[in-house]
Amino acid sequence: MGTNIKKIDWNKIGLAIYPYVVILLGIYLMIRFQILNHAVLLTSDALLHFQRFYDTSMQIKTGNFSYFQTNFAFSHSGRIFNAVYGPFLAYIGGFLLLLVHNWFNFQILTVFTVLLIAGIGMYRLALKANVDEVIAILLALIYLQFGIVAGSRHSAF
């Protein structure tokens, strides 16, 4: 009786995950300073978005939902911010804040997620455009340093 167990080709697996490991390493190097110094980056809109996410996290925690009006943040003033910025992402942010318990972990998680999506997206886009794989990895890493992606790294995400 013969067995039909396939042999795992570790070289093939290594070559398949190599670009993603390089992108992950690049992201870590980008946020390393923030991680090592346990720092929360505050920018011009950071406090506004922090309060939005705090409000939605408290809505989820208490079950007292108000999609557009903020009842827990902004000194319980009932300001309307989610109507402008959208309640969907605010509730995602509020849920993440409940999961990670503090602003530092929240910011590291969201910055890492945004950079990972952007890096992998640019890498896959470059491959779709028939760019050499090494160049595609470099393009992904360069893309993370410029434009809206780098700007989001310093925002309230």
Protein backbone atom coordinates (compact mmCIF):
# COMPACT_ATOMS: atom_id res chain seq x y z
CA MET A 1 0.00 0.00 0.00
CA GLY A 2 1.52 3.24 -1.12
CA THR A 3 0.93 6.55 0.55
CA ASN A 4 0.07 9.60 -1.46
CA ILE A 5 1.51 12.13 0.96
CA LYS A 6 2.82 15.12 -0.93
CA LYS A 7 6.20 16.43 0.01
CA ILE A 8 6.22 20.06 1.14
CA ASP A 9 8.47 22.25 -0.96
CA TRP A 10 9.75 24.72 1.64
CA ASN A 11 11.78 26.64 -0.94
CA LYS A 12 8.63 27.36 -2.92
CA ILE A 13 6.78 28.45 0.23
CA GLY A 14 9.71 30.65 1.26
CA LEU A 15 9.80 32.37 -2.11
CA ALA A 16 6.04 32.93 -1.97
CA ILE A 17 6.08 34.63 1.45
CA TYR A 18 9.38 36.49 1.02
CA PRO A 19 7.84 39.72 -0.37
CA TYR A 20 5.32 39.88 2.48
CA VAL A 21 8.03 39.33 5.09
CA VAL A 22 10.06 42.18 3.57
CA ILE A 23 6.99 44.46 3.64
CA LEU A 24 6.30 43.49 7.28
CA LEU A 25 9.92 44.22 8.20
CA GLY A 26 9.71 47.59 6.44
CA ILE A 27 6.54 48.46 8.35
CA TYR A 28 8.15 47.47 11.64
CA LEU A 29 11.13 49.70 10.90
CA MET A 30 8.78 52.58 10.12
CA ILE A 31 6.91 52.33 13.44
CA ARG A 32 9.82 51.04 15.54
CA PHE A 33 10.49 54.42 17.15
CA GLN A 34 6.90 54.72 18.26
CA ILE A 35 6.87 51.17 19.65
CA LEU A 36 10.17 51.46 21.52
CA ASN A 37 9.30 54.83 23.04
CA HIS A 38 5.71 53.81 23.78
CA ALA A 39 4.59 57.06 22.18
CA VAL A 40 1.19 58.13 20.90
CA LEU A 41 1.52 60.52 17.98
CA LEU A 42 -0.78 63.52 18.23
CA THR A 43 -1.53 65.67 15.22
CA SER A 44 -3.99 68.44 14.50
CA ASP A 45 -7.03 66.17 14.12
CA ALA A 46 -5.92 63.43 16.50
CA LEU A 47 -7.95 64.55 19.49
CA LEU A 48 -11.10 64.92 17.39
CA HIS A 49 -10.81 61.38 16.06
CA PHE A 50 -9.75 59.97 19.43
CA GLN A 51 -12.93 61.41 20.91
CA ARG A 52 -15.02 59.96 18.05
CA PHE A 53 -13.54 56.51 18.65
CA TYR A 54 -13.90 56.83 22.42
CA ASP A 55 -17.55 57.80 21.98
CA THR A 56 -18.33 54.85 19.73
CA SER A 57 -16.44 52.46 22.02
CA MET A 58 -18.57 53.64 24.94
CA GLN A 59 -21.71 53.27 22.81
CA ILE A 60 -20.74 49.67 22.08
CA LYS A 61 -19.85 49.04 25.72
CA THR A 62 -23.09 50.49 27.12
CA GLY A 63 -25.44 49.57 24.27
CA ASN A 64 -26.65 53.19 24.08
CA PHE A 65 -26.23 53.85 20.34
CA SER A 66 -26.43 57.20 18.60
CA TYR A 67 -25.03 56.96 15.09
CA PHE A 68 -24.34 60.64 14.49
CA GLN A 69 -24.44 62.39 17.85
CA THR A 70 -21.59 62.03 20.37
CA ASN A 71 -22.95 61.46 23.88
CA PHE A 72 -19.87 60.22 25.73
CA ALA A 73 -17.10 62.42 24.30
CA PHE A 74 -16.69 66.17 23.87
CA SER A 75 -17.89 66.76 27.46
CA HIS A 76 -21.20 65.00 26.69
CA SER A 77 -22.15 67.92 24.45
CA GLY A 78 -23.94 65.93 21.74
CA ARG A 79 -21.77 67.21 18.91
CA ILE A 80 -22.44 65.77 15.48
CA PHE A 81 -19.21 64.52 13.91
CA ASN A 82 -20.00 61.06 12.60
CA ALA A 83 -22.46 62.53 10.12
CA VAL A 84 -19.49 64.20 8.45
CA TYR A 85 -16.84 61.51 8.91
CA GLY A 86 -19.12 58.49 8.73
CA PRO A 87 -20.28 56.27 11.57
CA PHE A 88 -19.10 52.99 10.02
CA LEU A 89 -15.37 53.63 10.45
CA ALA A 90 -16.00 55.24 13.82
CA TYR A 91 -17.65 52.05 15.05
CA ILE A 92 -14.80 49.95 13.70
CA GLY A 93 -12.38 52.24 15.55
CA GLY A 94 -14.51 52.08 18.69
CA PHE A 95 -14.61 48.29 18.57
CA LEU A 96 -10.82 48.13 18.10
CA LEU A 97 -10.36 50.51 21.02
CA LEU A 98 -12.45 48.21 23.21
CA LEU A 99 -10.29 45.26 22.16
CA VAL A 100 -6.89 46.86 22.78
CA HIS A 101 -7.82 48.96 25.86
CA ASN A 102 -5.56 52.00 25.32
CA TRP A 103 -4.60 54.63 22.75
CA PHE A 104 -1.05 53.41 22.26
CA ASN A 105 -2.11 49.89 21.29
CA PHE A 106 -4.95 51.30 19.20
CA GLN A 107 -2.62 53.56 17.25
CA ILE A 108 -0.01 50.83 16.68
CA LEU A 109 -2.70 48.40 15.48
CA THR A 110 -4.37 50.85 13.12
CA VAL A 111 -1.13 52.26 11.72
CA PHE A 112 0.19 48.74 11.17
CA THR A 113 -3.05 47.69 9.47
CA VAL A 114 -3.16 50.73 7.15
CA LEU A 115 0.50 50.30 6.19
CA LEU A 116 0.10 46.56 5.64
CA ILE A 117 -2.91 47.01 3.35
CA ALA A 118 -1.13 49.80 1.46
CA GLY A 119 2.13 47.87 1.11
CA ILE A 120 0.53 44.64 -0.05
CA GLY A 121 -1.82 46.55 -2.33
CA MET A 122 1.03 48.38 -4.05
CA TYR A 123 3.06 45.17 -4.34
CA ARG A 124 0.16 43.30 -5.94
CA LEU A 125 -0.62 46.26 -8.22
CA ALA A 126 2.99 46.35 -9.40
CA LEU A 127 2.90 42.62 -10.11
CA LYS A 128 -0.34 43.07 -12.03
CA ALA A 129 1.45 45.69 -14.14
CA ASN A 130 4.14 43.08 -14.95
CA VAL A 131 6.85 44.78 -12.89
CA ASP A 132 9.77 42.62 -11.77
CA GLU A 133 9.17 41.16 -8.29
CA VAL A 134 12.17 42.86 -6.65
CA ILE A 135 11.14 46.22 -8.12
CA ALA A 136 7.55 45.57 -6.97
CA ILE A 137 8.77 45.07 -3.39
CA LEU A 138 10.84 48.26 -3.57
CA LEU A 139 7.87 50.18 -4.99
CA ALA A 140 5.71 48.95 -2.12
CA LEU A 141 8.26 50.09 0.47
CA ILE A 142 8.72 53.46 -1.22
CA TYR A 143 4.95 53.91 -1.48
CA LEU A 144 4.65 53.54 2.29
CA GLN A 145 6.94 56.55 2.75
CA PHE A 146 5.01 59.02 0.61
CA GLY A 147 1.64 60.62 0.17
CA ILE A 148 -1.52 59.79 2.01
CA VAL A 149 -0.13 56.57 3.47
CA ALA A 150 2.64 58.38 5.33
CA GLY A 151 0.17 61.10 6.29
CA SER A 152 -2.19 58.56 7.81
CA ARG A 153 0.67 57.23 9.88
CA HIS A 154 0.85 60.57 11.65
CA SER A 155 -2.89 61.09 11.94
CA ALA A 156 -5.28 59.85 14.54
CA PHE A 157 -5.69 56.38 13.07
